[in-house]
């Protein structure tokens, strides 16, 4: 037989709805932790229900993470803005009418092609993108790949 009235309607005016004093059954303290917390302790039955009895797809670390080595990169446009300050600090040289920049000494491993360069430069670098090489050649310079 169905209940005629909801219990919540019956308990209107009862401040706690029979859950005791100081706000029980009201706040986050009743959840037993959020996320995956407690899945091997008090929420284990929930874990078994979710994973069909297999504990380990959800718990613990799996596999191996192989970090790739990081390479410092610089764009052609950024290089264009740095030329004057590098000349003042004697970190680059002039050979004829071209600036000679050794990016490996400056700590860069790769030259990328975003931006534009207006000055003719000779760049020594370990790796460069095709777009960067094209941009520097159009400005009257060249890229030397150094090992």
N, C-alpha and C. Protein backbone atom coordinates (compact mmCIF):
# COMPACT_ATOMS: atom_id res chain seq x y z
N UNK A 1 0.83 -1.18 0.00
CA UNK A 1 0.00 0.00 0.00
C UNK A 1 0.88 1.26 0.00
N UNK A 2 0.48 2.23 -0.82
CA UNK A 2 1.27 3.46 -0.91
C UNK A 2 1.00 4.37 0.27
N UNK A 3 2.02 5.14 0.58
CA UNK A 3 1.90 6.14 1.63
C UNK A 3 0.99 7.27 1.13
N UNK A 4 0.11 7.74 1.95
CA UNK A 4 -0.80 8.80 1.51
C UNK A 4 -0.09 10.14 1.40
N UNK A 5 0.77 10.42 2.36
CA UNK A 5 1.50 11.68 2.35
C UNK A 5 2.99 11.40 2.36
N UNK A 6 3.74 12.30 1.75
CA UNK A 6 5.19 12.18 1.83
C UNK A 6 5.63 12.49 3.25
N UNK A 7 6.69 11.83 3.67
CA UNK A 7 7.21 12.07 5.01
C UNK A 7 7.70 13.52 5.15
N UNK A 8 8.25 14.07 4.05
CA UNK A 8 8.75 15.44 4.12
C UNK A 8 7.62 16.44 4.38
N UNK A 9 6.43 16.13 3.89
CA UNK A 9 5.29 17.03 4.15
C UNK A 9 4.85 16.92 5.61
N UNK A 10 4.92 15.70 6.10
CA UNK A 10 4.47 15.45 7.46
C UNK A 10 5.39 16.13 8.47
N UNK A 11 6.69 16.20 8.12
CA UNK A 11 7.67 16.73 9.06
C UNK A 11 7.94 18.22 8.88
N UNK A 12 7.17 18.94 8.10
CA UNK A 12 7.33 20.38 7.99
C UNK A 12 7.10 21.02 9.35
N UNK A 13 8.00 21.91 9.73
CA UNK A 13 7.91 22.51 11.06
C UNK A 13 8.85 21.82 12.03
N UNK A 14 9.23 20.60 11.73
CA UNK A 14 10.26 19.91 12.52
C UNK A 14 11.58 20.26 11.87
N UNK A 15 12.32 21.07 12.55
CA UNK A 15 13.50 21.68 11.95
C UNK A 15 14.49 20.66 11.38
N UNK A 16 14.69 19.58 12.09
CA UNK A 16 15.73 18.64 11.65
C UNK A 16 15.17 17.47 10.85
N UNK A 17 13.86 17.38 10.71
CA UNK A 17 13.21 16.24 10.05
C UNK A 17 13.68 14.92 10.66
N UNK A 18 13.86 14.93 11.96
CA UNK A 18 14.23 13.76 12.75
C UNK A 18 15.62 13.23 12.44
N UNK A 19 16.51 14.10 11.97
CA UNK A 19 17.90 13.66 11.78
C UNK A 19 18.79 14.17 12.90
N UNK A 20 18.25 14.51 14.03
CA UNK A 20 19.06 14.91 15.18
C UNK A 20 19.35 16.39 15.21
N UNK A 21 20.18 16.82 16.19
CA UNK A 21 20.44 18.25 16.31
C UNK A 21 21.57 18.67 15.37
N UNK A 22 22.27 19.67 15.52
CA UNK A 22 23.37 20.23 14.74
C UNK A 22 23.53 19.70 13.31
N UNK A 23 22.51 19.86 12.51
CA UNK A 23 22.61 19.73 11.06
C UNK A 23 23.07 18.41 10.50
N UNK A 24 22.71 17.32 11.14
CA UNK A 24 23.11 16.04 10.54
C UNK A 24 22.26 15.80 9.30
N UNK A 25 22.78 15.00 8.38
CA UNK A 25 22.09 14.65 7.13
C UNK A 25 21.86 15.89 6.27
N UNK A 26 22.69 16.91 6.46
CA UNK A 26 22.45 18.14 5.73
C UNK A 26 23.69 18.56 4.92
N UNK A 27 24.87 18.34 5.45
CA UNK A 27 26.07 18.91 4.84
C UNK A 27 26.90 17.83 4.16
N UNK A 28 28.11 18.19 3.78
CA UNK A 28 28.97 17.26 3.05
C UNK A 28 29.57 16.18 3.93
N UNK A 29 29.45 16.32 5.21
CA UNK A 29 30.03 15.35 6.11
C UNK A 29 29.35 14.00 6.06
N UNK A 30 28.22 13.91 5.40
CA UNK A 30 27.48 12.65 5.35
C UNK A 30 27.88 11.77 4.17
N UNK A 31 28.71 12.32 3.26
CA UNK A 31 28.97 11.60 2.00
C UNK A 31 30.03 10.53 2.14
N UNK A 32 30.90 10.66 3.14
CA UNK A 32 32.00 9.70 3.27
C UNK A 32 33.13 10.01 2.31
N UNK A 33 33.25 11.25 1.86
CA UNK A 33 34.33 11.64 0.95
C UNK A 33 33.85 11.72 -0.48
N UNK A 34 34.47 12.60 -1.24
CA UNK A 34 34.09 12.76 -2.63
C UNK A 34 35.05 12.07 -3.56
N UNK A 35 34.63 11.84 -4.78
CA UNK A 35 35.50 11.24 -5.78
C UNK A 35 35.76 9.77 -5.51
N UNK A 36 37.03 9.36 -5.63
CA UNK A 36 37.38 7.94 -5.44
C UNK A 36 37.78 7.64 -4.01
N UNK A 37 37.59 8.60 -3.11
CA UNK A 37 38.00 8.40 -1.73
C UNK A 37 37.13 7.34 -1.08
N UNK A 38 37.76 6.40 -0.39
CA UNK A 38 37.04 5.38 0.35
C UNK A 38 36.64 4.17 -0.46
N UNK A 39 37.08 4.08 -1.72
CA UNK A 39 36.64 2.95 -2.54
C UNK A 39 37.23 1.62 -2.07
N UNK A 40 38.35 1.66 -1.35
CA UNK A 40 38.88 0.41 -0.80
C UNK A 40 38.52 0.24 0.66
N UNK A 41 37.73 1.14 1.20
CA UNK A 41 37.33 1.04 2.61
C UNK A 41 35.80 1.04 2.71
N UNK A 42 35.20 2.16 3.05
CA UNK A 42 33.77 2.15 3.34
C UNK A 42 32.89 2.21 2.10
N UNK A 43 33.44 2.50 0.93
CA UNK A 43 32.65 2.48 -0.30
C UNK A 43 32.99 1.29 -1.18
N UNK A 44 33.52 0.22 -0.60
CA UNK A 44 33.99 -0.92 -1.38
C UNK A 44 32.84 -1.60 -2.13
N UNK A 45 31.67 -1.66 -1.52
CA UNK A 45 30.53 -2.29 -2.19
C UNK A 45 30.16 -1.51 -3.45
N UNK A 46 30.29 -0.19 -3.41
CA UNK A 46 30.02 0.64 -4.58
C UNK A 46 31.04 0.35 -5.68
N UNK A 47 32.31 0.21 -5.28
CA UNK A 47 33.37 -0.09 -6.24
C UNK A 47 33.11 -1.43 -6.93
N UNK A 48 32.74 -2.43 -6.14
CA UNK A 48 32.48 -3.76 -6.72
C UNK A 48 31.29 -3.72 -7.67
N UNK A 49 30.32 -2.89 -7.35
CA UNK A 49 29.16 -2.76 -8.23
C UNK A 49 29.54 -2.08 -9.55
N UNK A 50 30.37 -1.03 -9.47
CA UNK A 50 30.76 -0.29 -10.66
C UNK A 50 31.63 -1.14 -11.59
N UNK A 51 32.59 -1.88 -11.01
CA UNK A 51 33.58 -2.58 -11.83
C UNK A 51 33.27 -4.06 -12.04
N UNK A 52 32.09 -4.50 -11.67
CA UNK A 52 31.70 -5.91 -11.79
C UNK A 52 32.68 -6.85 -11.09
N UNK A 53 33.12 -6.47 -9.92
CA UNK A 53 33.97 -7.34 -9.11
C UNK A 53 35.45 -7.21 -9.37
N UNK A 54 35.87 -6.49 -10.41
CA UNK A 54 37.30 -6.31 -10.68
C UNK A 54 37.77 -5.02 -10.02
N UNK A 55 38.67 -5.15 -9.06
CA UNK A 55 39.07 -3.98 -8.30
C UNK A 55 40.05 -3.09 -9.05
N UNK A 56 40.87 -3.66 -9.91
CA UNK A 56 42.06 -2.93 -10.33
C UNK A 56 41.94 -2.02 -11.55
N UNK A 57 40.88 -2.00 -12.33
CA UNK A 57 40.84 -0.99 -13.39
C UNK A 57 40.71 0.42 -12.83
N UNK A 58 40.17 0.56 -11.62
CA UNK A 58 39.87 1.88 -11.09
C UNK A 58 40.89 2.35 -10.05
N UNK A 59 41.60 1.41 -9.43
CA UNK A 59 42.45 1.75 -8.29
C UNK A 59 43.92 1.58 -8.67
N UNK A 60 44.76 2.51 -8.23
CA UNK A 60 46.20 2.37 -8.38
C UNK A 60 46.70 2.91 -9.71
N UNK A 61 48.02 2.86 -9.86
CA UNK A 61 48.66 3.36 -11.07
C UNK A 61 48.91 2.19 -12.01
N UNK A 62 48.83 2.44 -13.31
CA UNK A 62 49.00 1.38 -14.29
C UNK A 62 49.90 1.88 -15.40
N UNK A 63 50.76 1.01 -15.90
CA UNK A 63 51.58 1.37 -17.06
C UNK A 63 52.80 2.17 -16.67
N UNK A 64 53.43 2.73 -17.68
CA UNK A 64 54.69 3.43 -17.51
C UNK A 64 54.65 4.71 -18.32
N UNK A 65 55.10 5.80 -17.70
CA UNK A 65 55.12 7.10 -18.38
C UNK A 65 56.55 7.40 -18.77
N UNK A 66 56.80 7.48 -20.06
CA UNK A 66 58.14 7.80 -20.54
C UNK A 66 58.18 9.26 -20.95
N UNK A 67 58.84 10.11 -20.16
CA UNK A 67 58.86 11.53 -20.51
C UNK A 67 59.74 11.78 -21.72
N UNK A 68 59.26 12.65 -22.59
CA UNK A 68 60.07 13.01 -23.75
C UNK A 68 60.99 14.15 -23.36
N UNK A 69 62.21 14.18 -23.89
CA UNK A 69 63.13 15.26 -23.52
C UNK A 69 62.62 16.60 -24.03
N UNK A 70 62.71 17.60 -23.18
CA UNK A 70 62.23 18.93 -23.55
C UNK A 70 63.30 19.68 -24.34
N UNK A 71 62.87 20.38 -25.38
CA UNK A 71 63.78 21.16 -26.21
C UNK A 71 63.33 22.62 -26.16
N UNK A 72 64.25 23.51 -25.83
CA UNK A 72 63.92 24.93 -25.84
C UNK A 72 63.81 25.39 -27.28
N UNK A 73 62.71 26.06 -27.59
CA UNK A 73 62.47 26.53 -28.96
C UNK A 73 62.36 28.05 -28.97
N UNK A 74 62.62 28.62 -30.14
CA UNK A 74 62.46 30.07 -30.34
C UNK A 74 61.90 30.29 -31.74
N UNK A 75 61.03 31.26 -31.87
CA UNK A 75 60.44 31.58 -33.16
C UNK A 75 61.30 32.63 -33.88
N UNK A 76 61.15 32.65 -35.20
CA UNK A 76 61.89 33.61 -36.02
C UNK A 76 61.52 35.05 -35.64
N UNK A 77 60.25 35.28 -35.37
CA UNK A 77 59.79 36.62 -34.97
C UNK A 77 60.41 37.07 -33.66
N UNK A 78 60.55 36.14 -32.70
CA UNK A 78 61.18 36.49 -31.42
C UNK A 78 62.66 36.78 -31.62
N UNK A 79 63.28 36.03 -32.51
CA UNK A 79 64.70 36.23 -32.80
C UNK A 79 64.94 37.62 -33.39
N UNK A 80 64.02 38.07 -34.22
CA UNK A 80 64.10 39.40 -34.82
C UNK A 80 64.11 40.49 -33.75
N UNK A 81 63.29 40.32 -32.71
CA UNK A 81 63.25 41.30 -31.63
C UNK A 81 64.45 41.23 -30.70
N UNK A 82 65.14 40.09 -30.65
CA UNK A 82 66.27 39.92 -29.73
C UNK A 82 67.60 40.42 -30.29
N UNK A 83 67.70 40.61 -31.59
CA UNK A 83 68.99 40.89 -32.22
C UNK A 83 69.69 42.11 -31.61
N UNK A 84 68.95 43.20 -31.41
CA UNK A 84 69.57 44.42 -30.88
C UNK A 84 70.11 44.22 -29.46
N UNK A 85 69.32 43.59 -28.61
CA UNK A 85 69.78 43.40 -27.22
C UNK A 85 70.95 42.41 -27.16
N UNK A 86 70.96 41.41 -28.04
CA UNK A 86 72.08 40.47 -28.07
C UNK A 86 73.36 41.14 -28.57
N UNK A 87 73.24 42.09 -29.50
CA UNK A 87 74.41 42.84 -29.99
C UNK A 87 75.00 43.70 -28.86
N UNK A 88 74.13 44.32 -28.06
CA UNK A 88 74.60 45.16 -26.96
C UNK A 88 75.36 44.35 -25.92
N UNK A 89 74.94 43.08 -25.74
CA UNK A 89 75.61 42.23 -24.74
C UNK A 89 76.74 41.40 -25.35
N UNK A 90 77.08 41.65 -26.60
CA UNK A 90 78.17 40.95 -27.31
C UNK A 90 77.96 39.43 -27.36
N UNK A 91 76.72 39.00 -27.54
CA UNK A 91 76.43 37.57 -27.64
C UNK A 91 76.34 37.12 -29.10
N UNK A 92 76.27 38.07 -30.02
CA UNK A 92 76.30 37.73 -31.45
C UNK A 92 77.33 38.62 -32.15
N UNK A 93 77.75 38.18 -33.34
CA UNK A 93 78.79 38.91 -34.08
C UNK A 93 78.24 39.36 -35.42
N UNK A 94 78.99 40.28 -36.05
CA UNK A 94 78.68 40.70 -37.41
C UNK A 94 79.77 40.16 -38.33
N UNK A 95 79.36 39.52 -39.41
CA UNK A 95 80.29 39.10 -40.45
C UNK A 95 79.80 39.71 -41.75
N UNK A 96 80.48 40.74 -42.20
CA UNK A 96 80.01 41.48 -43.38
C UNK A 96 78.78 42.26 -43.00
N UNK A 97 77.69 41.99 -43.71
CA UNK A 97 76.44 42.69 -43.40
C UNK A 97 75.44 41.77 -42.70
N UNK A 98 75.88 40.57 -42.26
CA UNK A 98 74.99 39.60 -41.63
C UNK A 98 75.33 39.41 -40.16
N UNK A 99 74.30 39.20 -39.36
CA UNK A 99 74.47 38.86 -37.95
C UNK A 99 74.67 37.35 -37.85
N UNK A 100 75.63 36.91 -37.03
CA UNK A 100 75.86 35.47 -36.82
C UNK A 100 75.41 35.14 -35.40
N UNK A 101 74.39 34.29 -35.32
CA UNK A 101 73.78 33.95 -34.03
C UNK A 101 73.95 32.46 -33.80
N UNK A 102 74.55 32.07 -32.68
CA UNK A 102 74.69 30.66 -32.30
C UNK A 102 73.64 30.37 -31.23
N UNK A 103 72.52 29.79 -31.65
CA UNK A 103 71.42 29.55 -30.71
C UNK A 103 71.74 28.45 -29.71
N UNK A 104 72.67 27.54 -30.04
CA UNK A 104 73.02 26.49 -29.09
C UNK A 104 73.73 27.08 -27.87
N UNK A 105 74.53 28.11 -28.08
CA UNK A 105 75.18 28.77 -26.94
C UNK A 105 74.18 29.55 -26.10
N UNK A 106 73.12 30.04 -26.73
CA UNK A 106 72.10 30.78 -26.00
C UNK A 106 71.10 29.86 -25.30
N UNK A 107 71.22 28.54 -25.52
CA UNK A 107 70.36 27.59 -24.82
C UNK A 107 69.13 27.14 -25.59
N UNK A 108 69.08 27.42 -26.88
CA UNK A 108 67.93 27.00 -27.70
C UNK A 108 68.31 25.80 -28.55
N UNK A 109 67.36 24.88 -28.70
CA UNK A 109 67.64 23.67 -29.46
C UNK A 109 66.97 23.65 -30.82
N UNK A 110 65.91 24.46 -31.01
CA UNK A 110 65.18 24.40 -32.27
C UNK A 110 64.67 25.79 -32.64
N UNK A 111 64.68 26.07 -33.95
CA UNK A 111 64.18 27.33 -34.48
C UNK A 111 62.87 27.05 -35.21
N UNK A 112 61.82 27.77 -34.83
CA UNK A 112 60.51 27.59 -35.45
C UNK A 112 60.17 28.82 -36.29
N UNK A 113 59.19 28.67 -37.19
CA UNK A 113 58.99 29.68 -38.23
C UNK A 113 57.90 30.69 -38.02
N UNK A 114 57.40 30.90 -36.81
CA UNK A 114 56.34 31.87 -36.63
C UNK A 114 56.90 33.28 -36.55
N UNK A 115 56.25 34.20 -37.20
CA UNK A 115 56.70 35.59 -37.22
C UNK A 115 57.54 35.89 -38.45
N UNK A 116 58.03 37.13 -38.52
CA UNK A 116 58.84 37.56 -39.66
C UNK A 116 60.16 38.11 -39.17
N UNK A 117 61.17 37.99 -40.02
CA UNK A 117 62.49 38.55 -39.71
C UNK A 117 62.87 39.49 -40.84
N UNK A 118 63.42 40.65 -40.48
CA UNK A 118 63.74 41.66 -41.48
C UNK A 118 65.23 41.80 -41.74
N UNK A 119 66.06 41.33 -40.79
CA UNK A 119 67.50 41.50 -40.90
C UNK A 119 68.14 40.21 -41.41
N UNK A 120 69.18 40.30 -42.23
CA UNK A 120 69.86 39.08 -42.68
C UNK A 120 70.69 38.46 -41.57
N UNK A 121 70.43 37.20 -41.26
CA UNK A 121 71.13 36.53 -40.16
C UNK A 121 71.65 35.17 -40.60
N UNK A 122 72.74 34.74 -39.99
CA UNK A 122 73.24 33.38 -40.13
C UNK A 122 73.01 32.72 -38.77
N UNK A 123 72.16 31.70 -38.75
CA UNK A 123 71.76 31.07 -37.50
C UNK A 123 72.37 29.68 -37.41
N UNK A 124 73.05 29.40 -36.29
CA UNK A 124 73.57 28.06 -36.01
C UNK A 124 72.67 27.44 -34.95
N UNK A 125 72.07 26.30 -35.31
CA UNK A 125 71.11 25.68 -34.40
C UNK A 125 71.08 24.17 -34.66
N UNK A 126 70.65 23.38 -33.65
CA UNK A 126 70.61 21.93 -33.80
C UNK A 126 69.50 21.48 -34.75
N UNK A 127 68.34 22.16 -34.71
CA UNK A 127 67.22 21.78 -35.57
C UNK A 127 66.43 23.02 -35.93
N UNK A 128 65.82 22.99 -37.12
CA UNK A 128 64.99 24.12 -37.56
C UNK A 128 63.86 23.58 -38.42
N UNK A 129 62.71 24.22 -38.35
CA UNK A 129 61.59 23.82 -39.19
C UNK A 129 61.77 24.36 -40.59
N UNK A 130 61.08 23.75 -41.55
CA UNK A 130 61.20 24.17 -42.95
C UNK A 130 60.71 25.61 -43.12
N UNK A 131 59.67 25.97 -42.39
CA UNK A 131 59.12 27.33 -42.48
C UNK A 131 60.13 28.36 -41.95
N UNK A 132 60.87 28.00 -40.90
CA UNK A 132 61.87 28.91 -40.35
C UNK A 132 63.02 29.11 -41.34
N UNK A 133 63.46 28.02 -41.96
CA UNK A 133 64.55 28.11 -42.94
C UNK A 133 64.13 28.98 -44.11
N UNK A 134 62.89 28.81 -44.55
CA UNK A 134 62.38 29.59 -45.68
C UNK A 134 62.32 31.08 -45.32
N UNK A 135 61.86 31.41 -44.10
CA UNK A 135 61.73 32.81 -43.67
C UNK A 135 63.09 33.48 -43.60
N UNK A 136 64.09 32.76 -43.11
CA UNK A 136 65.43 33.35 -42.97
C UNK A 136 66.08 33.52 -44.34
N UNK A 137 65.85 32.57 -45.25
CA UNK A 137 66.42 32.70 -46.61
C UNK A 137 65.79 33.87 -47.35
N UNK A 138 64.50 34.11 -47.15
CA UNK A 138 63.83 35.24 -47.79
C UNK A 138 64.37 36.58 -47.28
N UNK A 139 64.86 36.61 -46.03
CA UNK A 139 65.42 37.83 -45.46
C UNK A 139 66.88 38.01 -45.85
N UNK A 140 67.45 37.05 -46.58
CA UNK A 140 68.83 37.18 -47.02
C UNK A 140 69.84 36.49 -46.12
N UNK A 141 69.38 35.58 -45.28
CA UNK A 141 70.29 34.88 -44.38
C UNK A 141 70.33 33.39 -44.69
N UNK A 142 70.91 32.62 -43.74
CA UNK A 142 70.94 31.17 -43.90
C UNK A 142 70.93 30.49 -42.54
N UNK A 143 70.55 29.20 -42.55
CA UNK A 143 70.50 28.41 -41.35
C UNK A 143 71.54 27.30 -41.46
N UNK A 144 72.40 27.19 -40.44
CA UNK A 144 73.40 26.12 -40.40
C UNK A 144 73.01 25.13 -39.30
N UNK A 145 72.76 23.87 -39.69
CA UNK A 145 72.39 22.85 -38.73
C UNK A 145 73.66 22.28 -38.11
N UNK A 146 73.76 22.40 -36.78
CA UNK A 146 74.97 21.97 -36.05
C UNK A 146 74.62 20.72 -35.24
N UNK A 147 75.54 19.76 -35.19
CA UNK A 147 75.29 18.57 -34.38
C UNK A 147 75.89 18.72 -32.99
